[in-house]
């Protein structure tokens, strides 16, 4: 029995086509991203969150896009490689673990509601404004994951 290597499905609408067809959506999501970027949260942290959520959502386009951005920001390769085991990997700080746990809780809330324990953990590491912007960052990548995944955007190089 021969195993076929999985191929990325053909785009239903490609990224450039989506930008052309729905410029207001792209602008709105870009504005949300800009607000998060201007919040004072560490950009390396928000990129880790986007990589983690995109992996959980099986969005190849967003996963590759945010891996590329994280690398451009100088995020250590070990930190990217060990995201699948962030709970026990020694490369993450308590602050990062709380943010990753919050990301996971929000990403998987259809299966398991975000718990008070997850909220208390993130609240112990971040002030109220930072929690609000972390939540917005996760919401933004969720929107992109749904768009790019549903329309089969081809991952960037």
N, C-alpha and C. Protein backbone atom coordinates (compact mmCIF):
# COMPACT_ATOMS: atom_id res chain seq x y z
N UNK A 1 0.84 -1.17 0.00
CA UNK A 1 0.00 0.00 0.00
C UNK A 1 0.89 1.24 0.00
N UNK A 2 0.65 2.11 -0.92
CA UNK A 2 1.42 3.34 -1.03
C UNK A 2 0.65 4.46 -0.36
N UNK A 3 1.39 5.26 0.39
CA UNK A 3 0.73 6.40 1.02
C UNK A 3 0.94 7.63 0.15
N UNK A 4 -0.10 8.34 -0.05
CA UNK A 4 -0.02 9.59 -0.81
C UNK A 4 0.29 10.72 0.16
N UNK A 5 1.17 11.59 -0.24
CA UNK A 5 1.46 12.75 0.57
C UNK A 5 0.29 13.72 0.41
N UNK A 6 -0.17 14.24 1.53
CA UNK A 6 -1.29 15.18 1.50
C UNK A 6 -0.90 16.43 0.71
N UNK A 7 -1.78 16.86 -0.13
CA UNK A 7 -1.54 18.07 -0.90
C UNK A 7 -2.50 19.15 -0.41
N UNK A 8 -2.02 20.37 -0.45
CA UNK A 8 -2.89 21.48 -0.08
C UNK A 8 -3.97 21.60 -1.15
N UNK A 9 -5.23 21.72 -0.75
CA UNK A 9 -6.30 21.84 -1.76
C UNK A 9 -6.15 23.13 -2.57
N UNK A 10 -6.68 23.09 -3.77
CA UNK A 10 -6.64 24.28 -4.63
C UNK A 10 -7.42 25.41 -3.95
N UNK A 11 -6.92 26.63 -4.07
CA UNK A 11 -7.64 27.76 -3.47
C UNK A 11 -9.06 27.87 -4.04
N UNK A 12 -10.00 28.14 -3.16
CA UNK A 12 -11.35 28.46 -3.60
C UNK A 12 -11.38 29.91 -4.06
N UNK A 13 -10.75 30.74 -3.25
CA UNK A 13 -10.45 32.14 -3.59
C UNK A 13 -9.05 32.34 -3.03
N UNK A 14 -8.13 32.87 -3.81
CA UNK A 14 -6.79 33.07 -3.28
C UNK A 14 -6.74 34.36 -2.45
N UNK A 15 -5.63 34.52 -1.74
CA UNK A 15 -5.50 35.67 -0.83
C UNK A 15 -5.66 36.99 -1.58
N UNK A 16 -5.00 37.12 -2.72
CA UNK A 16 -5.11 38.36 -3.50
C UNK A 16 -6.55 38.58 -3.95
N UNK A 17 -7.20 37.52 -4.36
CA UNK A 17 -8.61 37.63 -4.77
C UNK A 17 -9.50 38.04 -3.62
N UNK A 18 -9.24 37.50 -2.43
CA UNK A 18 -10.02 37.88 -1.26
C UNK A 18 -9.83 39.36 -0.95
N UNK A 19 -8.59 39.83 -1.03
CA UNK A 19 -8.32 41.24 -0.78
C UNK A 19 -9.10 42.12 -1.76
N UNK A 20 -9.20 41.67 -2.99
CA UNK A 20 -9.92 42.44 -4.01
C UNK A 20 -11.44 42.37 -3.78
N UNK A 21 -11.93 41.20 -3.42
CA UNK A 21 -13.37 41.00 -3.26
C UNK A 21 -13.93 41.58 -1.96
N UNK A 22 -13.11 41.57 -0.91
CA UNK A 22 -13.58 42.00 0.41
C UNK A 22 -12.61 42.98 1.05
N UNK A 23 -12.34 44.11 0.39
CA UNK A 23 -11.35 45.04 0.94
C UNK A 23 -11.74 45.59 2.31
N UNK A 24 -13.02 45.75 2.56
CA UNK A 24 -13.45 46.26 3.86
C UNK A 24 -13.15 45.28 4.99
N UNK A 25 -13.27 43.99 4.71
CA UNK A 25 -12.96 42.96 5.71
C UNK A 25 -11.46 42.98 5.98
N UNK A 26 -10.67 43.02 4.93
CA UNK A 26 -9.22 43.05 5.09
C UNK A 26 -8.81 44.29 5.88
N UNK A 27 -9.39 45.44 5.56
CA UNK A 27 -9.07 46.68 6.27
C UNK A 27 -9.47 46.60 7.74
N UNK A 28 -10.64 46.03 8.01
CA UNK A 28 -11.11 45.92 9.40
C UNK A 28 -10.19 45.00 10.21
N UNK A 29 -9.81 43.87 9.63
CA UNK A 29 -8.91 42.97 10.35
C UNK A 29 -7.52 43.57 10.48
N UNK A 30 -7.08 44.31 9.48
CA UNK A 30 -5.79 45.00 9.58
C UNK A 30 -5.83 46.05 10.69
N UNK A 31 -6.95 46.75 10.82
CA UNK A 31 -7.09 47.76 11.88
C UNK A 31 -7.05 47.09 13.25
N UNK A 32 -7.70 45.94 13.38
CA UNK A 32 -7.66 45.20 14.64
C UNK A 32 -6.22 44.79 14.95
N UNK A 33 -5.53 44.27 13.95
CA UNK A 33 -4.13 43.90 14.14
C UNK A 33 -3.26 45.08 14.53
N UNK A 34 -3.50 46.23 13.91
CA UNK A 34 -2.73 47.44 14.23
C UNK A 34 -3.00 47.88 15.67
N UNK A 35 -4.24 47.79 16.10
CA UNK A 35 -4.58 48.16 17.49
C UNK A 35 -3.83 47.26 18.47
N UNK A 36 -3.76 45.97 18.18
CA UNK A 36 -3.01 45.04 19.04
C UNK A 36 -1.53 45.40 19.01
N UNK A 37 -1.00 45.66 17.81
CA UNK A 37 0.42 46.01 17.69
C UNK A 37 0.76 47.28 18.48
N UNK A 38 -0.17 48.23 18.54
CA UNK A 38 0.06 49.50 19.24
C UNK A 38 -0.26 49.42 20.73
N UNK A 39 -0.69 48.26 21.20
CA UNK A 39 -1.12 48.12 22.60
C UNK A 39 0.04 48.07 23.58
N UNK A 40 1.23 47.83 23.08
CA UNK A 40 2.37 47.68 23.97
C UNK A 40 2.73 46.22 24.25
N UNK A 41 1.87 45.29 23.81
CA UNK A 41 2.22 43.88 23.96
C UNK A 41 3.44 43.58 23.10
N UNK A 42 4.29 42.69 23.59
CA UNK A 42 5.47 42.28 22.85
C UNK A 42 5.05 41.58 21.56
N UNK A 43 5.53 42.07 20.43
CA UNK A 43 5.16 41.53 19.12
C UNK A 43 5.59 40.06 18.99
N UNK A 44 6.71 39.69 19.59
CA UNK A 44 7.14 38.29 19.54
C UNK A 44 6.12 37.40 20.24
N UNK A 45 5.58 37.88 21.35
CA UNK A 45 4.56 37.11 22.07
C UNK A 45 3.30 36.97 21.22
N UNK A 46 2.83 38.06 20.62
CA UNK A 46 1.60 37.96 19.84
C UNK A 46 1.80 37.07 18.62
N UNK A 47 3.01 37.05 18.06
CA UNK A 47 3.26 36.13 16.94
C UNK A 47 3.25 34.68 17.40
N UNK A 48 3.80 34.41 18.58
CA UNK A 48 3.72 33.04 19.13
C UNK A 48 2.26 32.61 19.29
N UNK A 49 1.43 33.53 19.78
CA UNK A 49 0.01 33.21 19.97
C UNK A 49 -0.66 32.90 18.63
N UNK A 50 -0.31 33.68 17.60
CA UNK A 50 -0.90 33.47 16.28
C UNK A 50 -0.44 32.15 15.67
N UNK A 51 0.81 31.80 15.87
CA UNK A 51 1.32 30.51 15.39
C UNK A 51 0.58 29.38 16.11
N UNK A 52 0.45 29.50 17.42
CA UNK A 52 -0.20 28.46 18.22
C UNK A 52 -1.66 28.29 17.80
N UNK A 53 -2.40 29.37 17.68
CA UNK A 53 -3.81 29.28 17.29
C UNK A 53 -3.95 28.72 15.88
N UNK A 54 -3.08 29.16 14.98
CA UNK A 54 -3.15 28.68 13.60
C UNK A 54 -2.85 27.20 13.51
N UNK A 55 -1.94 26.72 14.34
CA UNK A 55 -1.65 25.27 14.38
C UNK A 55 -2.87 24.53 14.91
N UNK A 56 -3.45 25.03 15.99
CA UNK A 56 -4.64 24.38 16.56
C UNK A 56 -5.80 24.35 15.57
N UNK A 57 -5.92 25.40 14.76
CA UNK A 57 -7.00 25.50 13.78
C UNK A 57 -6.65 24.87 12.44
N UNK A 58 -5.47 24.29 12.32
CA UNK A 58 -5.02 23.64 11.09
C UNK A 58 -5.11 24.57 9.89
N UNK A 59 -4.68 25.82 10.09
CA UNK A 59 -4.68 26.80 9.00
C UNK A 59 -3.27 26.94 8.46
N UNK A 60 -2.98 26.25 7.37
CA UNK A 60 -1.62 26.22 6.82
C UNK A 60 -1.15 27.61 6.39
N UNK A 61 -2.04 28.40 5.78
CA UNK A 61 -1.66 29.74 5.34
C UNK A 61 -1.22 30.60 6.52
N UNK A 62 -2.07 30.70 7.54
CA UNK A 62 -1.76 31.55 8.69
C UNK A 62 -0.58 31.01 9.48
N UNK A 63 -0.48 29.70 9.58
CA UNK A 63 0.65 29.11 10.30
C UNK A 63 1.95 29.52 9.63
N UNK A 64 2.06 29.35 8.32
CA UNK A 64 3.29 29.71 7.62
C UNK A 64 3.53 31.22 7.65
N UNK A 65 2.48 31.98 7.45
CA UNK A 65 2.58 33.44 7.45
C UNK A 65 3.16 33.94 8.79
N UNK A 66 2.63 33.41 9.90
CA UNK A 66 3.08 33.90 11.20
C UNK A 66 4.39 33.26 11.65
N UNK A 67 4.70 32.07 11.16
CA UNK A 67 6.06 31.54 11.38
C UNK A 67 7.07 32.45 10.69
N UNK A 68 6.77 32.86 9.47
CA UNK A 68 7.67 33.77 8.75
C UNK A 68 7.86 35.08 9.51
N UNK A 69 6.75 35.66 9.99
CA UNK A 69 6.86 36.92 10.74
C UNK A 69 7.64 36.74 12.04
N UNK A 70 7.37 35.65 12.74
CA UNK A 70 8.08 35.38 14.00
C UNK A 70 9.59 35.27 13.75
N UNK A 71 9.95 34.58 12.70
CA UNK A 71 11.38 34.45 12.36
C UNK A 71 11.98 35.80 11.99
N UNK A 72 11.23 36.63 11.25
CA UNK A 72 11.72 37.97 10.91
C UNK A 72 11.95 38.81 12.16
N UNK A 73 11.14 38.58 13.20
CA UNK A 73 11.29 39.31 14.46
C UNK A 73 12.42 38.75 15.32
N UNK A 74 13.00 37.63 14.88
CA UNK A 74 14.10 37.04 15.63
C UNK A 74 13.66 36.09 16.73
N UNK A 75 12.43 35.59 16.66
CA UNK A 75 11.99 34.61 17.65
C UNK A 75 12.85 33.36 17.49
N UNK A 76 13.39 32.89 18.59
CA UNK A 76 14.27 31.73 18.60
C UNK A 76 13.55 30.51 18.02
N UNK A 77 14.24 29.79 17.17
CA UNK A 77 13.65 28.62 16.49
C UNK A 77 13.14 27.58 17.50
N UNK A 78 13.83 27.40 18.59
CA UNK A 78 13.40 26.42 19.61
C UNK A 78 12.02 26.80 20.17
N UNK A 79 11.77 28.08 20.30
CA UNK A 79 10.49 28.55 20.83
C UNK A 79 9.36 28.25 19.84
N UNK A 80 9.66 28.29 18.56
CA UNK A 80 8.67 27.97 17.53
C UNK A 80 8.46 26.46 17.45
N UNK A 81 9.55 25.71 17.50
CA UNK A 81 9.48 24.26 17.37
C UNK A 81 8.80 23.60 18.56
N UNK A 82 8.92 24.19 19.74
CA UNK A 82 8.39 23.55 20.94
C UNK A 82 6.99 24.01 21.32
N UNK A 83 6.35 24.78 20.46
CA UNK A 83 4.99 25.24 20.77
C UNK A 83 4.00 24.09 20.98
N UNK A 84 4.20 22.99 20.28
CA UNK A 84 3.29 21.85 20.43
C UNK A 84 3.31 21.30 21.86
N UNK A 85 4.40 21.56 22.59
CA UNK A 85 4.53 21.07 23.97
C UNK A 85 4.87 22.22 24.91
N UNK A 86 4.17 23.35 24.74
CA UNK A 86 4.49 24.56 25.48
C UNK A 86 4.32 24.41 27.00
N UNK A 87 3.48 23.50 27.44
CA UNK A 87 3.26 23.34 28.88
C UNK A 87 4.51 22.85 29.61
N UNK A 88 5.30 22.00 28.96
CA UNK A 88 6.47 21.43 29.63
C UNK A 88 7.80 21.90 29.05
N UNK A 89 7.77 22.51 27.87
CA UNK A 89 9.02 22.99 27.27
C UNK A 89 9.62 24.09 28.14
N UNK A 90 10.92 24.01 28.41
CA UNK A 90 11.54 24.97 29.33
C UNK A 90 11.80 26.36 28.74
N UNK A 91 11.46 26.57 27.49
CA UNK A 91 11.81 27.83 26.83
C UNK A 91 10.79 28.95 27.03
N UNK A 92 9.69 28.67 27.72
CA UNK A 92 8.63 29.67 27.90
C UNK A 92 8.56 30.16 29.33
N UNK A 93 8.34 31.46 29.48
CA UNK A 93 8.19 32.08 30.79
C UNK A 93 6.78 31.84 31.32
N UNK A 94 6.55 32.06 32.62
CA UNK A 94 5.18 31.95 33.15
C UNK A 94 4.21 32.89 32.42
N UNK A 95 4.68 34.06 32.05
CA UNK A 95 3.84 35.01 31.32
C UNK A 95 3.44 34.43 29.95
N UNK A 96 4.41 33.87 29.25
CA UNK A 96 4.12 33.27 27.95
C UNK A 96 3.19 32.07 28.09
N UNK A 97 3.41 31.25 29.10
CA UNK A 97 2.54 30.08 29.32
C UNK A 97 1.10 30.52 29.58
N UNK A 98 0.93 31.57 30.35
CA UNK A 98 -0.42 32.07 30.62
C UNK A 98 -1.07 32.56 29.33
N UNK A 99 -0.32 33.26 28.50
CA UNK A 99 -0.85 33.75 27.23
C UNK A 99 -1.17 32.60 26.28
N UNK A 100 -0.31 31.59 26.25
CA UNK A 100 -0.57 30.42 25.40
C UNK A 100 -1.78 29.64 25.89
N UNK A 101 -1.92 29.51 27.20
CA UNK A 101 -3.09 28.83 27.76
C UNK A 101 -4.36 29.58 27.43
N UNK A 102 -4.32 30.91 27.52
CA UNK A 102 -5.48 31.74 27.19
C UNK A 102 -5.82 31.59 25.70
N UNK A 103 -4.80 31.60 24.86
CA UNK A 103 -4.99 31.40 23.42
C UNK A 103 -5.67 30.06 23.16
N UNK A 104 -5.19 29.04 23.80
CA UNK A 104 -5.75 27.70 23.61
C UNK A 104 -7.19 27.64 24.12
N UNK A 105 -7.44 28.24 25.27
CA UNK A 105 -8.80 28.24 25.83
C UNK A 105 -9.78 28.92 24.89
N UNK A 106 -9.38 30.05 24.32
CA UNK A 106 -10.26 30.77 23.40
C UNK A 106 -10.41 30.04 22.07
N UNK A 107 -9.32 29.44 21.60
CA UNK A 107 -9.35 28.73 20.32
C UNK A 107 -10.23 27.49 20.40
N UNK A 108 -10.21 26.82 21.53
CA UNK A 108 -10.95 25.56 21.68
C UNK A 108 -12.24 25.72 22.47
N UNK A 109 -12.73 26.94 22.61
CA UNK A 109 -13.89 27.15 23.47
C UNK A 109 -15.16 26.46 22.99
N UNK A 110 -15.24 26.08 21.73
CA UNK A 110 -16.42 25.33 21.27
C UNK A 110 -16.45 23.93 21.91
N UNK A 111 -15.26 23.37 22.17
CA UNK A 111 -15.18 22.06 22.83
C UNK A 111 -15.22 22.18 24.35
N UNK A 112 -14.57 23.21 24.87
CA UNK A 112 -14.46 23.42 26.31
C UNK A 112 -14.49 24.93 26.56
N UNK A 113 -15.46 25.38 27.29
CA UNK A 113 -15.55 26.82 27.58
C UNK A 113 -14.27 27.29 28.26
N UNK A 114 -13.87 28.51 27.94
CA UNK A 114 -12.72 29.11 28.61
C UNK A 114 -13.01 29.17 30.10
N UNK A 115 -12.14 28.57 30.88
CA UNK A 115 -12.40 28.42 32.31
C UNK A 115 -11.99 29.66 33.11
N UNK A 116 -12.55 29.77 34.29
CA UNK A 116 -12.13 30.82 35.21
C UNK A 116 -10.65 30.63 35.57
N UNK A 117 -10.20 29.39 35.67
CA UNK A 117 -8.80 29.13 36.00
C UNK A 117 -7.88 29.69 34.92
N UNK A 118 -8.23 29.51 33.65
CA UNK A 118 -7.41 30.06 32.56
C UNK A 118 -7.41 31.59 32.63
N UNK A 119 -8.57 32.16 32.93
CA UNK A 119 -8.65 33.62 33.03
C UNK A 119 -7.83 34.13 34.21
N UNK A 120 -7.91 33.45 35.34
CA UNK A 120 -7.13 33.87 36.52
C UNK A 120 -5.64 33.77 36.24
N UNK A 121 -5.23 32.73 35.50
CA UNK A 121 -3.81 32.58 35.16
C UNK A 121 -3.33 33.72 34.27
N UNK A 122 -4.12 34.07 33.27
CA UNK A 122 -3.69 35.16 32.38
C UNK A 122 -3.76 36.49 33.13
N UNK A 123 -4.74 36.64 33.99
CA UNK A 123 -4.91 37.87 34.77
C UNK A 123 -3.76 38.04 35.78
N UNK A 124 -3.19 36.94 36.23
CA UNK A 124 -2.07 37.01 37.18
C UNK A 124 -0.79 37.50 36.49
N UNK A 125 -0.71 37.35 35.18
CA UNK A 125 0.50 37.71 34.44
C UNK A 125 0.37 39.00 33.64
N UNK A 126 -0.87 39.42 33.36
CA UNK A 126 -1.11 40.58 32.50
C UNK A 126 -2.12 41.51 33.17
N UNK A 127 -1.97 42.80 32.95
CA UNK A 127 -2.96 43.74 33.49
C UNK A 127 -4.23 43.67 32.62
N UNK A 128 -5.27 44.36 33.06
CA UNK A 128 -6.58 44.27 32.38
C UNK A 128 -6.50 44.70 30.92
N UNK A 129 -5.77 45.76 30.64
CA UNK A 129 -5.62 46.22 29.27
C UNK A 129 -4.92 45.16 28.42
N UNK A 130 -3.87 44.57 28.96
CA UNK A 130 -3.14 43.54 28.22
C UNK A 130 -4.02 42.32 27.97
N UNK A 131 -4.82 41.93 28.94
CA UNK A 131 -5.75 40.80 28.75
C UNK A 131 -6.73 41.12 27.63
N UNK A 132 -7.22 42.34 27.61
CA UNK A 132 -8.16 42.74 26.56
C UNK A 132 -7.48 42.64 25.19
N UNK A 133 -6.25 43.11 25.07
CA UNK A 133 -5.56 43.06 23.79
C UNK A 133 -5.12 41.65 23.41
N UNK A 134 -4.74 40.83 24.40
CA UNK A 134 -4.45 39.42 24.10
C UNK A 134 -5.69 38.75 23.53
N UNK A 135 -6.83 39.03 24.15
CA UNK A 135 -8.09 38.45 23.69
C UNK A 135 -8.42 38.91 22.28
N UNK A 136 -8.18 40.19 22.01
CA UNK A 136 -8.41 40.72 20.66
C UNK A 136 -7.45 40.09 19.65
N UNK A 137 -6.19 39.87 20.04
CA UNK A 137 -5.22 39.23 19.15
C UNK A 137 -5.67 37.82 18.78
N UNK A 138 -6.16 37.10 19.77
CA UNK A 138 -6.65 35.73 19.51
C UNK A 138 -7.90 35.79 18.63
N UNK A 139 -8.78 36.72 18.88
CA UNK A 139 -9.99 36.86 18.05
C UNK A 139 -9.62 37.17 16.61
N UNK A 140 -8.63 38.03 16.41
CA UNK A 140 -8.23 38.40 15.06
C UNK A 140 -7.66 37.20 14.30
N UNK A 141 -6.79 36.42 14.95
CA UNK A 141 -6.23 35.28 14.23
C UNK A 141 -7.29 34.22 14.00
N UNK A 142 -8.26 34.12 14.89
CA UNK A 142 -9.37 33.17 14.66
C UNK A 142 -10.12 33.55 13.38
N UNK A 143 -10.37 34.84 13.20
CA UNK A 143 -11.07 35.29 11.98
C UNK A 143 -10.25 34.95 10.75
N UNK A 144 -8.96 35.26 10.79
CA UNK A 144 -8.11 34.95 9.64
C UNK A 144 -8.02 33.45 9.40
N UNK A 145 -7.92 32.65 10.47
CA UNK A 145 -7.87 31.19 10.31
C UNK A 145 -9.12 30.68 9.62
N UNK A 146 -10.28 31.22 9.99
CA UNK A 146 -11.53 30.78 9.38
C UNK A 146 -11.60 31.18 7.90
N UNK A 147 -11.17 32.38 7.60
CA UNK A 147 -11.20 32.86 6.21
C UNK A 147 -10.20 32.08 5.36
N UNK A 148 -8.94 32.06 5.79
CA UNK A 148 -7.89 31.42 5.00
C UNK A 148 -8.11 29.92 4.90
N UNK A 149 -8.57 29.31 5.98
CA UNK A 149 -8.81 27.87 5.95
C UNK A 149 -9.98 27.50 5.05
N UNK A 150 -11.08 28.22 5.16
CA UNK A 150 -12.26 27.93 4.35
C UNK A 150 -12.02 28.15 2.87
N UNK A 151 -11.23 29.17 2.55
CA UNK A 151 -11.00 29.51 1.14
C UNK A 151 -9.73 28.87 0.58
N UNK A 152 -9.03 28.11 1.43
CA UNK A 152 -7.82 27.38 1.03
C UNK A 152 -6.73 28.30 0.46
N UNK A 153 -6.46 29.40 1.16
CA UNK A 153 -5.35 30.25 0.72
C UNK A 153 -4.09 29.40 0.66
N UNK A 154 -3.30 29.58 -0.37
CA UNK A 154 -2.03 28.87 -0.49
C UNK A 154 -1.04 29.47 0.48
N UNK A 155 -0.38 28.62 1.29
CA UNK A 155 0.60 29.17 2.24
C UNK A 155 1.72 29.92 1.53
N UNK A 156 2.20 30.99 2.14
CA UNK A 156 3.32 31.73 1.54
C UNK A 156 4.59 30.91 1.64
N UNK A 157 5.58 31.28 0.83
CA UNK A 157 6.88 30.58 0.87
C UNK A 157 7.59 30.87 2.17
